[in-house]
């Protein structure tokens, strides 16, 4: 009786998880979800989770760049204020040197009566010229200040917009991760039941770092350093947003691999797709970055012999695969 209740609880739990991740059982209402359906759903959720993670990476990069722009604008504003002050002082000193020698100015901006009408008129003319010059300076700087204010307002507004986007993408990623966790739990449960049903011992999971990497085609220089690093990570875990030392996502792996060769790449597959010389699929060389899906949301590194090394997904970790095992989008050669 106890085993019957346990079996019923298992079925009900499976059905609840199936409903959570959007799988409708293929049989009667009381039947457990089909393992092939669950595997397909897990693969789909891996893709959705990676897309969400890469969009989140893109938003973080843009937000960082915009905050740098704001810092630059503040520095521009300070430099403009300092420049205005210096020029104003220079003009004032120049006028004082010209006029006070005649004794007609006791202090800046104060005209004293002179016995010489010509000297008085000269002083007034000098003051008028100074006023005109000062008005022109203020007009120029007022125009520059207005332009700076417009830039700053636009950048601040964009920062707020991207920050809101980043928050939304973080929430979106958390939702996908939750569904993926449920799908993995259900798949693990079904695979365990399948093994028990055929009385076969469970196959132990491969230990991290023990997968044998295929031999890469010869590569030298910076590309060789990048390939060597990437292949040394085969067997490491896949973690969204990670960039080593023991776990990576797809763009984190390629970023760190090329960093060993002194080449800086962004932690984003879509940004990396514009960070190098475009390469056709029939001209790939070891070290080239290969991109997948549309829009781009996955990247691997070509290692030769028709293979790539990439951080695949949380199930497979860092591994190798045929270059055309996913929908191919393009390739670039960094450096």
Protein backbone atom coordinates (compact mmCIF):
# COMPACT_ATOMS: atom_id res chain seq x y z
CA UNK A 1 0.00 0.00 0.00
CA UNK A 2 2.87 2.30 0.89
CA UNK A 3 4.57 1.70 -2.46
CA UNK A 4 1.28 2.46 -4.25
CA UNK A 5 0.96 5.78 -2.47
CA UNK A 6 4.61 6.52 -3.27
CA UNK A 7 4.06 5.74 -6.95
CA UNK A 8 0.94 7.94 -7.01
CA UNK A 9 2.89 10.78 -5.39
CA UNK A 10 5.60 10.40 -8.02
CA UNK A 11 3.09 10.57 -10.85
CA UNK A 12 1.34 13.59 -9.36
CA UNK A 13 4.66 15.35 -8.83
CA UNK A 14 5.64 14.63 -12.43
CA UNK A 15 2.33 15.98 -13.71
CA UNK A 16 2.70 19.13 -11.61
CA UNK A 17 6.21 19.74 -12.95
CA UNK A 18 5.03 19.04 -16.48
CA UNK A 19 2.29 21.64 -16.12
CA UNK A 20 4.80 24.14 -14.73
CA UNK A 21 7.12 23.86 -17.71
CA UNK A 22 4.33 23.68 -20.28
CA UNK A 23 4.30 19.96 -21.18
CA UNK A 24 0.91 18.32 -21.64
CA UNK A 25 1.01 14.54 -21.08
CA UNK A 26 0.52 12.66 -24.34
CA UNK A 27 -1.61 9.92 -22.77
CA UNK A 28 -4.58 9.86 -20.35
CA UNK A 29 -4.83 12.50 -17.67
CA UNK A 30 -3.25 10.23 -15.07
CA UNK A 31 -0.27 9.25 -17.26
CA UNK A 32 3.21 10.54 -16.57
CA UNK A 33 4.74 12.87 -19.18
CA UNK A 34 6.71 11.23 -22.00
CA UNK A 35 10.47 11.30 -21.47
CA UNK A 36 11.16 12.35 -25.09
CA UNK A 37 8.78 15.32 -24.67
CA UNK A 38 10.59 16.34 -21.50
CA UNK A 39 14.02 16.05 -23.17
CA UNK A 40 12.81 18.24 -26.04
CA UNK A 41 11.45 20.77 -23.57
CA UNK A 42 14.72 20.81 -21.63
CA UNK A 43 16.65 21.50 -24.85
CA UNK A 44 14.23 24.34 -25.68
CA UNK A 45 14.60 25.81 -22.21
CA UNK A 46 18.40 25.61 -22.47
CA UNK A 47 18.15 27.75 -25.59
CA UNK A 48 15.72 30.20 -23.97
CA UNK A 49 17.89 30.47 -20.87
CA UNK A 50 21.01 31.16 -22.92
CA UNK A 51 19.20 33.79 -24.99
CA UNK A 52 17.97 35.47 -21.81
CA UNK A 53 21.47 35.36 -20.33
CA UNK A 54 23.08 36.87 -23.44
CA UNK A 55 20.48 39.66 -23.58
CA UNK A 56 21.23 40.37 -19.93
CA UNK A 57 24.97 40.49 -20.74
CA UNK A 58 24.27 42.97 -23.56
CA UNK A 59 22.24 45.24 -21.26
CA UNK A 60 24.98 45.25 -18.62
CA UNK A 61 27.60 46.21 -21.23
CA UNK A 62 25.43 49.05 -22.58
CA UNK A 63 24.69 50.31 -19.07
CA UNK A 64 28.40 50.35 -18.22
CA UNK A 65 29.19 52.28 -21.42
CA UNK A 66 26.44 54.82 -20.71
CA UNK A 67 27.69 55.41 -17.18
CA UNK A 68 31.15 56.03 -18.65
CA UNK A 69 29.52 58.57 -21.00
CA UNK A 70 27.96 60.36 -18.04
CA UNK A 71 31.34 60.56 -16.30
CA UNK A 72 32.82 61.98 -19.50
CA UNK A 73 30.06 64.58 -19.76
CA UNK A 74 30.63 65.70 -16.18
CA UNK A 75 34.35 66.03 -16.94
CA UNK A 76 33.50 68.07 -20.08
CA UNK A 77 31.30 70.37 -18.00
CA UNK A 78 34.07 70.92 -15.46
CA UNK A 79 36.62 71.62 -18.20
CA UNK A 80 34.25 74.12 -19.82
CA UNK A 81 33.72 75.96 -16.53
CA UNK A 82 37.47 76.08 -15.92
CA UNK A 83 38.14 77.30 -19.46
CA UNK A 84 35.54 80.06 -19.15
CA UNK A 85 37.09 81.22 -15.89
CA UNK A 86 40.61 81.27 -17.35
CA UNK A 87 39.59 83.18 -20.50
CA UNK A 88 37.55 85.67 -18.51
CA UNK A 89 40.51 86.32 -16.21
CA UNK A 90 42.83 86.72 -19.20
CA UNK A 91 40.55 89.31 -20.80
CA UNK A 92 40.16 91.18 -17.54
CA UNK A 93 43.91 91.26 -16.90
CA UNK A 94 44.56 92.44 -20.45
CA UNK A 95 42.12 95.32 -20.10
CA UNK A 96 43.53 96.28 -16.70
CA UNK A 97 47.08 96.35 -18.06
CA UNK A 98 45.98 98.58 -20.93
CA UNK A 99 43.87 101.02 -18.95
CA UNK A 100 45.35 101.33 -15.47
CA UNK A 101 48.61 102.62 -16.89
CA UNK A 102 46.73 105.87 -17.73
CA UNK A 103 45.36 106.05 -14.19
CA UNK A 104 41.75 106.08 -15.29
CA UNK A 105 40.71 102.80 -13.57
CA UNK A 106 41.11 102.54 -9.83
CA UNK A 107 39.63 99.04 -9.83
CA UNK A 108 38.20 96.74 -12.48
CA UNK A 109 34.95 98.20 -13.79
CA UNK A 110 35.36 101.55 -12.04
CA UNK A 111 36.07 104.61 -14.23
CA UNK A 112 37.46 107.68 -12.46
CA UNK A 113 37.32 111.18 -13.80
CA UNK A 114 40.30 112.15 -15.94
CA UNK A 115 41.44 115.67 -16.68
CA UNK A 116 42.26 114.57 -20.23
CA UNK A 117 39.00 114.15 -22.29
CA UNK A 118 40.81 112.05 -24.88
CA UNK A 119 42.12 109.71 -22.20
CA UNK A 120 38.64 109.43 -20.72
CA UNK A 121 37.11 108.59 -24.10
CA UNK A 122 39.86 106.00 -24.71
CA UNK A 123 39.10 104.40 -21.35
CA UNK A 124 35.38 104.28 -22.10
CA UNK A 125 36.12 102.75 -25.51
CA UNK A 126 38.33 100.12 -23.89
CA UNK A 127 35.61 99.28 -21.38
CA UNK A 128 33.06 98.99 -24.18
CA UNK A 129 35.37 96.69 -26.14
CA UNK A 130 35.84 94.56 -23.04
CA UNK A 131 32.08 94.37 -22.51
CA UNK A 132 31.57 93.29 -26.13
CA UNK A 133 34.30 90.69 -25.82
CA UNK A 134 32.84 89.39 -22.57
CA UNK A 135 29.33 89.22 -24.09
CA UNK A 136 30.70 87.22 -27.03
CA UNK A 137 32.51 84.83 -24.71
CA UNK A 138 29.42 84.28 -22.62
CA UNK A 139 27.33 83.66 -25.74
CA UNK A 140 29.81 81.01 -26.92
CA UNK A 141 29.99 79.31 -23.58
CA UNK A 142 26.23 79.53 -23.09
CA UNK A 143 25.79 77.68 -26.40
CA UNK A 144 28.31 75.02 -25.37
CA UNK A 145 26.68 74.65 -21.95
CA UNK A 146 23.28 74.16 -23.57
CA UNK A 147 24.70 71.47 -25.88
CA UNK A 148 26.33 69.72 -22.91
CA UNK A 149 23.09 69.86 -20.95
CA UNK A 150 21.18 68.31 -23.85
CA UNK A 151 23.75 65.51 -24.15
CA UNK A 152 23.66 64.91 -20.42
CA UNK A 153 19.84 64.82 -20.31
CA UNK A 154 19.73 62.39 -23.24
CA UNK A 155 22.38 60.13 -21.71
CA UNK A 156 20.71 60.18 -18.28
CA UNK A 157 17.40 59.24 -19.87
CA UNK A 158 19.07 56.38 -21.74
CA UNK A 159 20.73 55.19 -18.51
CA UNK A 160 17.31 55.03 -16.82
CA UNK A 161 15.86 53.17 -19.82
CA UNK A 162 18.68 50.62 -19.95
CA UNK A 163 18.62 50.15 -16.18
CA UNK A 164 14.91 49.33 -16.43
CA UNK A 165 15.67 46.93 -19.30
CA UNK A 166 18.41 45.27 -17.26
CA UNK A 167 15.98 44.77 -14.37
CA UNK A 168 13.36 43.28 -16.71
CA UNK A 169 15.91 40.96 -18.35
CA UNK A 170 17.16 39.82 -14.96
CA UNK A 171 13.59 38.91 -14.00
CA UNK A 172 13.06 37.20 -17.37
CA UNK A 173 16.23 35.17 -16.88
CA UNK A 174 15.15 34.15 -13.37
CA UNK A 175 11.80 32.90 -14.73
CA UNK A 176 13.48 30.85 -17.45
CA UNK A 177 16.00 29.46 -14.94
CA UNK A 178 13.14 28.39 -12.67
CA UNK A 179 11.37 26.57 -15.52
CA UNK A 180 14.66 24.98 -16.55
CA UNK A 181 15.25 23.77 -13.01
CA UNK A 182 11.79 22.18 -12.94
CA UNK A 183 12.35 20.55 -16.35
CA UNK A 184 15.72 19.14 -15.28
CA UNK A 185 14.23 17.78 -12.07
CA UNK A 186 11.46 16.07 -14.02
CA UNK A 187 13.88 14.69 -16.60
CA UNK A 188 16.19 13.33 -13.90
CA UNK A 189 13.20 11.66 -12.23
CA UNK A 190 11.99 10.07 -15.48
CA UNK A 191 15.46 8.87 -16.45
CA UNK A 192 15.89 7.29 -13.04
CA UNK A 193 12.55 5.50 -13.37
CA UNK A 194 13.48 4.34 -16.86
CA UNK A 195 16.74 2.86 -15.62
CA UNK A 196 15.01 1.15 -12.72
CA UNK A 197 12.32 -0.24 -15.03
CA UNK A 198 14.88 -2.11 -17.14
CA UNK A 199 16.88 -3.08 -14.03
CA UNK A 200 20.02 -1.54 -15.45
CA UNK A 201 22.53 0.13 -13.19
CA UNK A 202 22.60 3.90 -13.46
CA UNK A 203 25.39 5.21 -15.62
CA UNK A 204 27.58 7.43 -13.45
CA UNK A 205 27.77 11.00 -14.62
CA UNK A 206 31.05 12.00 -16.17
CA UNK A 207 33.22 13.82 -13.69
CA UNK A 208 34.04 17.43 -14.52
CA UNK A 209 37.33 17.80 -16.32
CA UNK A 210 37.62 14.16 -17.44
CA UNK A 211 36.19 14.46 -20.95
CA UNK A 212 38.80 13.78 -23.59
CA UNK A 213 39.14 16.69 -26.00
CA UNK A 214 39.73 15.90 -29.67
CA UNK A 215 43.02 16.85 -31.20
CA UNK A 216 42.92 20.37 -32.59
CA UNK A 217 44.42 21.36 -35.89
CA UNK A 218 47.82 23.04 -35.58
CA UNK A 219 47.57 26.66 -34.53
CA UNK A 220 50.30 29.08 -33.53
CA UNK A 221 50.65 32.55 -32.12
CA UNK A 222 47.68 34.20 -30.49
CA UNK A 223 45.13 31.84 -32.03
CA UNK A 224 47.12 28.89 -30.67
CA UNK A 225 47.05 30.36 -27.16
CA UNK A 226 43.29 30.91 -27.37
CA UNK A 227 42.58 27.39 -28.64
CA UNK A 228 44.83 25.79 -26.02
CA UNK A 229 43.05 27.60 -23.21
CA UNK A 230 39.57 26.77 -24.50
CA UNK A 231 40.38 23.09 -24.93
CA UNK A 232 41.90 22.95 -21.44
CA UNK A 233 38.44 23.83 -20.08
CA UNK A 234 36.67 20.84 -21.70
CA UNK A 235 34.69 19.12 -18.96
CA UNK A 236 34.19 22.30 -16.91
CA UNK A 237 30.68 23.29 -15.87
CA UNK A 238 28.33 25.62 -17.74
CA UNK A 239 26.99 28.43 -15.55
CA UNK A 240 25.05 31.39 -16.93
CA UNK A 241 27.10 34.59 -16.70
CA UNK A 242 30.29 32.76 -15.65
CA UNK A 243 33.75 33.42 -17.08
CA UNK A 244 35.98 30.98 -15.21
CA UNK A 245 38.03 29.71 -13.70
CA UNK A 246 36.02 26.48 -13.36
CA UNK A 247 32.69 27.39 -15.01
CA UNK A 248 31.74 29.33 -18.13
CA UNK A 249 28.90 30.37 -20.34
CA UNK A 250 29.45 30.47 -24.10
CA UNK A 251 30.75 34.03 -24.44
CA UNK A 252 32.58 33.84 -21.12
CA UNK A 253 34.67 30.95 -22.46
CA UNK A 254 35.62 32.66 -25.72
CA UNK A 255 36.29 35.95 -23.92
CA UNK A 256 38.70 34.31 -21.47
CA UNK A 257 40.34 32.17 -24.18
CA UNK A 258 41.23 35.17 -26.32
CA UNK A 259 42.26 37.14 -23.21
CA UNK A 260 45.16 34.67 -22.91
CA UNK A 261 46.32 35.99 -26.27
CA UNK A 262 46.02 39.63 -25.19
CA UNK A 263 42.79 40.28 -27.12
CA UNK A 264 39.94 41.91 -25.23
CA UNK A 265 36.41 40.73 -26.03
CA UNK A 266 33.08 41.66 -24.48
CA UNK A 267 31.14 39.11 -22.43
CA UNK A 268 28.42 38.87 -25.08
CA UNK A 269 28.08 36.65 -28.12
CA UNK A 270 26.31 39.34 -30.17
CA UNK A 271 28.98 41.94 -29.36
CA UNK A 272 31.76 39.45 -30.10
CA UNK A 273 30.27 38.86 -33.54
CA UNK A 274 31.43 42.38 -34.46
CA UNK A 275 34.88 42.05 -32.87
CA UNK A 276 37.02 40.80 -35.70
CA UNK A 277 37.36 40.19 -39.40
CA UNK A 278 34.39 38.31 -40.91
CA UNK A 279 35.33 34.83 -42.16
CA UNK A 280 33.38 32.56 -44.50
CA UNK A 281 32.50 29.07 -43.32
CA UNK A 282 34.85 27.48 -45.86
CA UNK A 283 37.82 29.56 -44.67
CA UNK A 284 37.64 28.85 -40.94
CA UNK A 285 40.91 28.57 -39.04
CA UNK A 286 41.57 27.47 -35.45
CA UNK A 287 40.77 30.29 -33.06
CA UNK A 288 37.98 31.78 -35.18
CA UNK A 289 34.75 32.53 -33.32
CA UNK A 290 31.66 30.84 -34.76
CA UNK A 291 28.17 32.18 -34.02
CA UNK A 292 24.79 30.51 -33.98
CA UNK A 293 21.06 31.27 -34.17
CA UNK A 294 19.26 34.42 -35.27
CA UNK A 295 19.51 36.72 -33.49
CA UNK A 296 22.96 35.56 -32.39
CA UNK A 297 22.85 34.02 -28.92
CA UNK A 298 25.61 31.40 -28.89
CA UNK A 299 29.31 31.34 -29.74
CA UNK A 300 31.98 28.66 -29.97
CA UNK A 301 35.61 28.55 -31.06
CA UNK A 302 36.72 26.68 -34.16
CA UNK A 303 39.53 24.20 -33.41
CA UNK A 304 39.93 22.62 -36.86
CA UNK A 305 38.85 19.33 -38.36
CA UNK A 306 35.25 20.56 -38.59
CA UNK A 307 34.94 20.94 -34.80
CA UNK A 308 34.32 23.69 -32.28
CA UNK A 309 34.89 23.88 -28.54
CA UNK A 310 32.12 25.67 -26.66
CA UNK A 311 30.31 26.01 -23.37
CA UNK A 312 27.21 24.17 -24.56
CA UNK A 313 24.63 24.14 -21.74
CA UNK A 314 24.33 23.14 -18.06
CA UNK A 315 23.88 19.50 -19.04
CA UNK A 316 26.93 19.17 -21.28
CA UNK A 317 29.24 21.84 -19.87
CA UNK A 318 32.30 22.79 -21.91
CA UNK A 319 32.60 20.30 -24.74
CA UNK A 320 33.31 19.89 -28.43
CA UNK A 321 30.87 19.55 -31.31
CA UNK A 322 30.71 19.62 -35.11
CA UNK A 323 30.81 23.18 -36.41
CA UNK A 324 27.41 22.84 -38.11
CA UNK A 325 25.65 21.02 -35.25
CA UNK A 326 23.63 24.21 -34.56
CA UNK A 327 22.07 26.82 -36.86
CA UNK A 328 25.17 28.60 -38.21
CA UNK A 329 25.09 32.40 -38.28
CA UNK A 330 28.64 33.52 -39.15
CA UNK A 331 32.24 33.72 -37.96
CA UNK A 332 34.93 36.28 -37.20
CA UNK A 333 38.70 36.18 -36.67
CA UNK A 334 39.68 38.23 -33.59
CA UNK A 335 42.96 40.03 -33.19
